[in-house]
Amino acid sequence: MKRIFTGVLGAVWLIGLAGLVDAQQLPIQPNQNDLNRNVPAPQIQNPAQANGKITERQAVNLAKQRFAGNILRISLVGEGENQRYQIRMENEGKVFTVFVHVATGRVSGPG
C-alpha cells in the first residue's frame, strides 16, 4: 500500500513539473519598477491632524526626536493660539521641560 501511495505522489509531482517546464504557461510577473511608476511620491505631511491640533502621542514623538530622555509627564498649558504641551523629560538624572505647540508642532526646550 505504501508503495502505491508513493507512486501516485511521484506521478502527481511529475505532472506538476511538466506543467512548469512549458514557459508559455507561466504567468508574467510585472517588474517592481513598473508597479511603482504611476504611484505619486509620498507627500510630507504636517503632523497636525485634520482638526489642526497635535495629539499627545505626536507631541511625545516630536519631543523624543529632538531630545533624548524618558517622558515623565505631559500636560496641556496655555490658551487659544498659545496652547502647548508641556512635557517633563529626564535624561541621566537631569529633569528638563520641552514644549510642543499644539497647532504647529514646533518644539522648544532647554537651550
N, C-alpha and C. Protein backbone atom coordinates (compact mmCIF):
# COMPACT_ATOMS: atom_id res chain seq x y z
N MET A 1 0.83 -1.19 0.00
CA MET A 1 0.00 0.00 0.00
C MET A 1 0.87 1.26 0.00
N LYS A 2 1.94 1.24 0.81
CA LYS A 2 2.84 2.38 0.88
C LYS A 2 3.49 2.66 -0.47
N ARG A 3 3.85 1.60 -1.19
CA ARG A 3 4.50 1.73 -2.48
C ARG A 3 3.53 2.36 -3.51
N ILE A 4 2.26 2.00 -3.46
CA ILE A 4 1.28 2.56 -4.39
C ILE A 4 1.10 4.04 -4.12
N PHE A 5 1.02 4.39 -2.83
CA PHE A 5 0.84 5.80 -2.44
C PHE A 5 2.03 6.63 -2.91
N THR A 6 3.24 6.11 -2.73
CA THR A 6 4.45 6.81 -3.16
C THR A 6 4.45 6.97 -4.67
N GLY A 7 4.02 5.94 -5.39
CA GLY A 7 3.97 6.02 -6.85
C GLY A 7 2.98 7.07 -7.33
N VAL A 8 1.85 7.18 -6.64
CA VAL A 8 0.84 8.18 -7.01
C VAL A 8 1.39 9.58 -6.77
N LEU A 9 2.04 9.79 -5.62
CA LEU A 9 2.63 11.10 -5.33
C LEU A 9 3.69 11.46 -6.35
N GLY A 10 4.50 10.49 -6.75
CA GLY A 10 5.54 10.73 -7.74
C GLY A 10 4.94 11.13 -9.08
N ALA A 11 3.85 10.47 -9.47
CA ALA A 11 3.20 10.79 -10.73
C ALA A 11 2.60 12.20 -10.70
N VAL A 12 1.98 12.55 -9.57
CA VAL A 12 1.40 13.88 -9.44
C VAL A 12 2.50 14.94 -9.50
N TRP A 13 3.62 14.66 -8.86
CA TRP A 13 4.75 15.59 -8.88
C TRP A 13 5.29 15.77 -10.29
N LEU A 14 5.42 14.68 -11.04
CA LEU A 14 5.93 14.77 -12.41
C LEU A 14 4.98 15.54 -13.31
N ILE A 15 3.68 15.33 -13.14
CA ILE A 15 2.70 16.06 -13.95
C ILE A 15 2.80 17.56 -13.66
N GLY A 16 2.93 17.90 -12.37
CA GLY A 16 3.07 19.31 -11.99
C GLY A 16 4.34 19.90 -12.55
N LEU A 17 5.43 19.13 -12.50
CA LEU A 17 6.71 19.59 -13.02
C LEU A 17 6.64 19.79 -14.53
N ALA A 18 5.95 18.91 -15.23
CA ALA A 18 5.82 19.04 -16.68
C ALA A 18 5.08 20.33 -17.03
N GLY A 19 4.10 20.70 -16.23
CA GLY A 19 3.36 21.94 -16.48
C GLY A 19 4.24 23.16 -16.29
N LEU A 20 5.19 23.11 -15.35
CA LEU A 20 6.06 24.26 -15.11
C LEU A 20 7.14 24.41 -16.16
N VAL A 21 7.50 23.30 -16.83
CA VAL A 21 8.57 23.34 -17.82
C VAL A 21 8.16 24.18 -19.02
N ASP A 22 6.89 24.15 -19.38
CA ASP A 22 6.41 24.92 -20.52
C ASP A 22 6.34 26.39 -20.12
N ALA A 23 7.27 27.20 -20.56
CA ALA A 23 7.36 28.60 -20.14
C ALA A 23 6.16 29.42 -20.56
N GLN A 24 5.43 28.99 -21.58
CA GLN A 24 4.28 29.75 -22.03
C GLN A 24 3.15 29.70 -21.01
N GLN A 25 3.15 28.74 -20.12
CA GLN A 25 2.09 28.62 -19.13
C GLN A 25 2.37 29.44 -17.87
N LEU A 26 3.61 29.89 -17.70
CA LEU A 26 3.95 30.65 -16.51
C LEU A 26 3.42 32.07 -16.64
N PRO A 27 2.82 32.60 -15.56
CA PRO A 27 2.35 33.99 -15.63
C PRO A 27 3.53 34.94 -15.66
N ILE A 28 3.37 36.03 -16.37
CA ILE A 28 4.43 37.04 -16.46
C ILE A 28 4.31 37.95 -15.25
N GLN A 29 5.38 38.06 -14.51
CA GLN A 29 5.40 38.90 -13.32
C GLN A 29 5.84 40.30 -13.72
N PRO A 30 5.06 41.31 -13.32
CA PRO A 30 5.48 42.69 -13.66
C PRO A 30 6.73 43.07 -12.88
N ASN A 31 7.53 43.89 -13.50
CA ASN A 31 8.73 44.41 -12.87
C ASN A 31 8.32 45.36 -11.74
N GLN A 32 9.00 45.31 -10.61
CA GLN A 32 8.65 46.15 -9.46
C GLN A 32 8.70 47.63 -9.83
N ASN A 33 9.63 48.02 -10.69
CA ASN A 33 9.72 49.41 -11.11
C ASN A 33 8.48 49.82 -11.90
N ASP A 34 7.92 48.89 -12.69
CA ASP A 34 6.71 49.19 -13.43
C ASP A 34 5.54 49.40 -12.49
N LEU A 35 5.49 48.66 -11.39
CA LEU A 35 4.41 48.80 -10.43
C LEU A 35 4.42 50.17 -9.77
N ASN A 36 5.62 50.70 -9.53
CA ASN A 36 5.74 51.95 -8.80
C ASN A 36 5.76 53.18 -9.71
N ARG A 37 5.79 52.95 -11.01
CA ARG A 37 5.96 54.06 -11.94
C ARG A 37 4.82 55.08 -11.83
N ASN A 38 3.60 54.63 -11.67
CA ASN A 38 2.46 55.55 -11.65
C ASN A 38 2.02 55.94 -10.26
N VAL A 39 2.80 55.56 -9.26
CA VAL A 39 2.46 55.91 -7.89
C VAL A 39 3.12 57.24 -7.56
N PRO A 40 2.34 58.22 -7.10
CA PRO A 40 2.95 59.51 -6.78
C PRO A 40 3.89 59.39 -5.59
N ALA A 41 4.87 60.26 -5.55
CA ALA A 41 5.82 60.29 -4.44
C ALA A 41 5.08 60.61 -3.15
N PRO A 42 5.50 60.01 -2.04
CA PRO A 42 4.82 60.29 -0.77
C PRO A 42 4.95 61.76 -0.40
N GLN A 43 3.87 62.29 0.08
CA GLN A 43 3.85 63.69 0.48
C GLN A 43 4.29 63.82 1.93
N ILE A 44 5.11 64.79 2.22
CA ILE A 44 5.49 65.06 3.60
C ILE A 44 4.35 65.85 4.21
N GLN A 45 3.80 65.29 5.27
CA GLN A 45 2.63 65.90 5.86
C GLN A 45 2.97 66.59 7.17
N ASN A 46 2.25 67.63 7.44
CA ASN A 46 2.33 68.30 8.73
C ASN A 46 1.78 67.34 9.76
N PRO A 47 2.45 67.18 10.90
CA PRO A 47 1.97 66.21 11.88
C PRO A 47 0.62 66.55 12.48
N ALA A 48 0.09 67.74 12.23
CA ALA A 48 -1.21 68.11 12.79
C ALA A 48 -2.31 67.27 12.16
N GLN A 49 -3.33 66.97 12.95
CA GLN A 49 -4.47 66.20 12.45
C GLN A 49 -5.37 67.09 11.62
N ALA A 50 -6.46 66.50 11.13
CA ALA A 50 -7.41 67.25 10.30
C ALA A 50 -7.98 68.45 11.06
N ASN A 51 -8.12 68.33 12.38
CA ASN A 51 -8.65 69.45 13.16
C ASN A 51 -7.58 70.49 13.45
N GLY A 52 -6.35 70.27 12.96
CA GLY A 52 -5.28 71.24 13.11
C GLY A 52 -4.54 71.17 14.43
N LYS A 53 -4.77 70.10 15.22
CA LYS A 53 -4.11 70.00 16.52
C LYS A 53 -3.24 68.76 16.59
N ILE A 54 -2.12 68.91 17.24
CA ILE A 54 -1.20 67.81 17.51
C ILE A 54 -1.78 66.99 18.67
N THR A 55 -1.70 65.66 18.57
CA THR A 55 -2.14 64.82 19.68
C THR A 55 -1.01 64.70 20.71
N GLU A 56 -1.36 64.21 21.89
CA GLU A 56 -0.32 63.99 22.92
C GLU A 56 0.74 63.03 22.40
N ARG A 57 0.31 61.97 21.76
CA ARG A 57 1.26 60.97 21.24
C ARG A 57 2.21 61.60 20.22
N GLN A 58 1.67 62.43 19.33
CA GLN A 58 2.52 63.10 18.35
C GLN A 58 3.48 64.06 19.03
N ALA A 59 3.01 64.75 20.06
CA ALA A 59 3.87 65.68 20.79
C ALA A 59 5.02 64.94 21.45
N VAL A 60 4.73 63.80 22.06
CA VAL A 60 5.78 62.99 22.69
C VAL A 60 6.79 62.53 21.64
N ASN A 61 6.31 62.07 20.50
CA ASN A 61 7.21 61.62 19.44
C ASN A 61 8.09 62.76 18.94
N LEU A 62 7.52 63.94 18.77
CA LEU A 62 8.31 65.09 18.34
C LEU A 62 9.37 65.46 19.37
N ALA A 63 9.00 65.43 20.65
CA ALA A 63 9.95 65.75 21.71
C ALA A 63 11.09 64.73 21.75
N LYS A 64 10.76 63.45 21.58
CA LYS A 64 11.78 62.40 21.63
C LYS A 64 12.71 62.47 20.42
N GLN A 65 12.20 62.95 19.29
CA GLN A 65 13.05 63.10 18.11
C GLN A 65 14.11 64.18 18.33
N ARG A 66 13.75 65.16 19.10
CA ARG A 66 14.65 66.31 19.31
C ARG A 66 15.54 66.15 20.54
N PHE A 67 15.00 65.54 21.60
CA PHE A 67 15.74 65.41 22.86
C PHE A 67 15.73 63.96 23.33
N ALA A 68 16.89 63.48 23.78
CA ALA A 68 16.98 62.13 24.33
C ALA A 68 16.48 62.14 25.77
N GLY A 69 15.78 61.10 26.15
CA GLY A 69 15.34 61.00 27.53
C GLY A 69 14.02 60.28 27.67
N ASN A 70 13.63 60.11 28.92
CA ASN A 70 12.37 59.44 29.25
C ASN A 70 11.30 60.48 29.54
N ILE A 71 10.09 60.17 29.16
CA ILE A 71 8.96 61.06 29.42
C ILE A 71 8.48 60.83 30.85
N LEU A 72 8.39 61.90 31.61
CA LEU A 72 7.89 61.81 32.98
C LEU A 72 6.43 62.21 33.08
N ARG A 73 6.08 63.29 32.35
CA ARG A 73 4.72 63.81 32.46
C ARG A 73 4.44 64.69 31.25
N ILE A 74 3.17 64.74 30.86
CA ILE A 74 2.75 65.64 29.79
C ILE A 74 1.46 66.32 30.21
N SER A 75 1.38 67.63 29.96
CA SER A 75 0.15 68.35 30.29
C SER A 75 -0.06 69.44 29.24
N LEU A 76 -1.30 69.86 29.09
CA LEU A 76 -1.67 70.90 28.15
C LEU A 76 -1.69 72.23 28.90
N VAL A 77 -0.95 73.21 28.40
CA VAL A 77 -0.88 74.52 29.05
C VAL A 77 -1.19 75.61 28.03
N GLY A 78 -1.56 76.76 28.53
CA GLY A 78 -1.85 77.91 27.67
C GLY A 78 -3.26 77.86 27.10
N GLU A 79 -3.61 78.94 26.40
CA GLU A 79 -4.95 79.04 25.83
C GLU A 79 -4.87 79.58 24.41
N GLY A 80 -5.90 79.27 23.64
CA GLY A 80 -6.00 79.81 22.28
C GLY A 80 -4.82 79.43 21.41
N GLU A 81 -4.28 80.44 20.73
CA GLU A 81 -3.15 80.20 19.82
C GLU A 81 -1.85 79.90 20.54
N ASN A 82 -1.81 80.10 21.85
CA ASN A 82 -0.60 79.86 22.63
C ASN A 82 -0.64 78.51 23.35
N GLN A 83 -1.56 77.64 22.97
CA GLN A 83 -1.69 76.34 23.64
C GLN A 83 -0.54 75.43 23.25
N ARG A 84 0.06 74.79 24.27
CA ARG A 84 1.21 73.90 24.04
C ARG A 84 1.13 72.71 24.98
N TYR A 85 1.86 71.67 24.61
CA TYR A 85 2.06 70.54 25.52
C TYR A 85 3.34 70.81 26.30
N GLN A 86 3.25 70.70 27.61
CA GLN A 86 4.43 70.82 28.46
C GLN A 86 4.84 69.40 28.80
N ILE A 87 6.03 69.01 28.37
CA ILE A 87 6.49 67.64 28.55
C ILE A 87 7.72 67.65 29.44
N ARG A 88 7.61 66.99 30.58
CA ARG A 88 8.74 66.85 31.50
C ARG A 88 9.49 65.59 31.09
N MET A 89 10.80 65.74 30.90
CA MET A 89 11.65 64.63 30.48
C MET A 89 12.82 64.49 31.43
N GLU A 90 13.41 63.32 31.43
CA GLU A 90 14.59 63.04 32.27
C GLU A 90 15.61 62.30 31.44
N ASN A 91 16.87 62.73 31.58
CA ASN A 91 17.97 62.05 30.92
C ASN A 91 19.18 62.08 31.83
N GLU A 92 19.67 60.91 32.19
CA GLU A 92 20.84 60.76 33.06
C GLU A 92 20.69 61.55 34.35
N GLY A 93 19.51 61.48 34.95
CA GLY A 93 19.27 62.13 36.23
C GLY A 93 18.91 63.60 36.14
N LYS A 94 18.95 64.18 34.97
CA LYS A 94 18.61 65.60 34.80
C LYS A 94 17.19 65.71 34.26
N VAL A 95 16.37 66.50 34.92
CA VAL A 95 14.99 66.72 34.51
C VAL A 95 14.90 68.06 33.78
N PHE A 96 14.19 68.07 32.66
CA PHE A 96 14.03 69.29 31.88
C PHE A 96 12.64 69.31 31.25
N THR A 97 12.25 70.48 30.76
CA THR A 97 10.92 70.68 30.18
C THR A 97 11.04 70.99 28.70
N VAL A 98 10.16 70.35 27.93
CA VAL A 98 10.07 70.58 26.49
C VAL A 98 8.64 71.03 26.20
N PHE A 99 8.49 71.99 25.30
CA PHE A 99 7.16 72.45 24.89
C PHE A 99 6.94 72.10 23.42
N VAL A 100 5.74 71.63 23.11
CA VAL A 100 5.35 71.36 21.73
C VAL A 100 4.07 72.14 21.46
N HIS A 101 4.14 73.04 20.49
CA HIS A 101 2.99 73.88 20.15
C HIS A 101 1.89 73.00 19.55
N VAL A 102 0.67 73.14 20.06
CA VAL A 102 -0.45 72.28 19.66
C VAL A 102 -0.81 72.47 18.19
N ALA A 103 -0.76 73.69 17.70
CA ALA A 103 -1.20 73.96 16.33
C ALA A 103 -0.10 73.70 15.29
N THR A 104 1.13 74.01 15.62
CA THR A 104 2.21 73.94 14.63
C THR A 104 3.14 72.74 14.79
N GLY A 105 3.19 72.17 16.01
CA GLY A 105 4.12 71.08 16.27
C GLY A 105 5.54 71.57 16.53
N ARG A 106 5.73 72.89 16.64
CA ARG A 106 7.06 73.45 16.91
C ARG A 106 7.53 73.02 18.29
N VAL A 107 8.76 72.51 18.35
CA VAL A 107 9.33 72.02 19.60
C VAL A 107 10.32 73.03 20.14
N SER A 108 10.21 73.35 21.43
CA SER A 108 11.19 74.21 22.07
C SER A 108 11.51 73.60 23.43
N GLY A 109 12.72 73.84 23.86
CA GLY A 109 13.13 73.23 25.12
C GLY A 109 14.36 73.90 25.68
N PRO A 110 15.06 73.17 26.52
CA PRO A 110 16.24 73.76 27.16
C PRO A 110 17.25 74.19 26.11
N GLY A 111 17.76 75.36 26.29
CA GLY A 111 18.65 75.96 25.31
C GLY A 111 20.02 75.48 25.40
